[in-house]
Amino acid sequence: MAEVRPLPRRRRLTARGLVERRRNLPRVDATRMRAGTDQCFGTEDRVDEGDNV
């Protein structure tokens, strides 16, 4: 038996609220992340910035 209840609504964030939330996120090392994804998925089908898609 389970009870189904609606999730509480989140209030909409202002631009200032979004900026504040972003400040608490960890930094991402893009080079390290790219190397990890290349190692996992390969580079054959990768779309680079210079590719016109």
Protein backbone atom coordinates (compact mmCIF):
# COMPACT_ATOMS: atom_id res chain seq x y z
CA MET A 1 0.00 0.00 0.00
CA ALA A 2 1.30 3.45 -0.85
CA GLU A 3 0.12 6.98 -0.41
CA VAL A 4 0.40 9.36 -3.32
CA ARG A 5 0.83 13.03 -2.48
CA PRO A 6 1.79 15.97 -4.69
CA LEU A 7 5.31 17.25 -4.29
CA PRO A 8 5.63 20.62 -2.59
CA ARG A 9 5.97 23.43 -5.10
CA ARG A 10 9.27 25.22 -5.21
CA ARG A 11 9.15 28.95 -5.42
CA ARG A 12 10.61 30.48 -8.53
CA LEU A 13 14.10 31.85 -8.17
CA THR A 14 15.09 35.35 -9.13
CA ALA A 15 18.22 36.05 -11.15
CA ARG A 16 19.97 36.97 -7.91
CA GLY A 17 18.88 33.67 -6.36
CA LEU A 18 20.25 31.71 -9.30
CA VAL A 19 23.60 33.52 -9.07
CA GLU A 20 23.77 32.78 -5.34
CA ARG A 21 22.99 29.11 -5.96
CA ARG A 22 25.69 28.92 -8.65
CA ARG A 23 28.33 30.29 -6.27
CA ASN A 24 27.96 27.19 -4.11
CA LEU A 25 28.58 24.73 -6.96
CA PRO A 26 31.98 23.06 -7.29
CA ARG A 27 34.26 24.24 -10.09
CA VAL A 28 34.52 22.01 -13.16
CA ASP A 29 37.86 21.28 -14.81
CA ALA A 30 36.73 21.20 -18.46
CA THR A 31 40.01 19.73 -19.74
CA ARG A 32 39.89 16.88 -17.24
CA MET A 33 36.20 16.26 -17.94
CA ARG A 34 36.83 16.16 -21.71
CA ALA A 35 39.70 13.69 -21.24
CA GLY A 36 37.47 11.46 -19.13
CA THR A 37 34.63 11.46 -21.63
CA ASP A 38 37.04 10.90 -24.53
CA GLN A 39 38.49 7.92 -22.69
CA CYS A 40 35.03 6.51 -22.05
CA PHE A 41 33.30 7.28 -25.36
CA GLY A 42 36.16 7.88 -27.81
CA THR A 43 36.68 10.86 -30.09
CA GLU A 44 35.51 9.64 -33.51
CA ASP A 45 32.00 11.15 -33.47
CA ARG A 46 32.75 14.17 -31.29
CA VAL A 47 31.46 17.52 -32.48
CA ASP A 48 34.02 20.25 -31.86
CA GLU A 49 33.45 23.99 -31.64
CA GLY A 50 34.62 24.50 -35.24
CA ASP A 51 32.22 21.93 -36.72
CA ASN A 52 29.15 23.24 -38.50
CA VAL A 53 26.26 21.05 -37.46
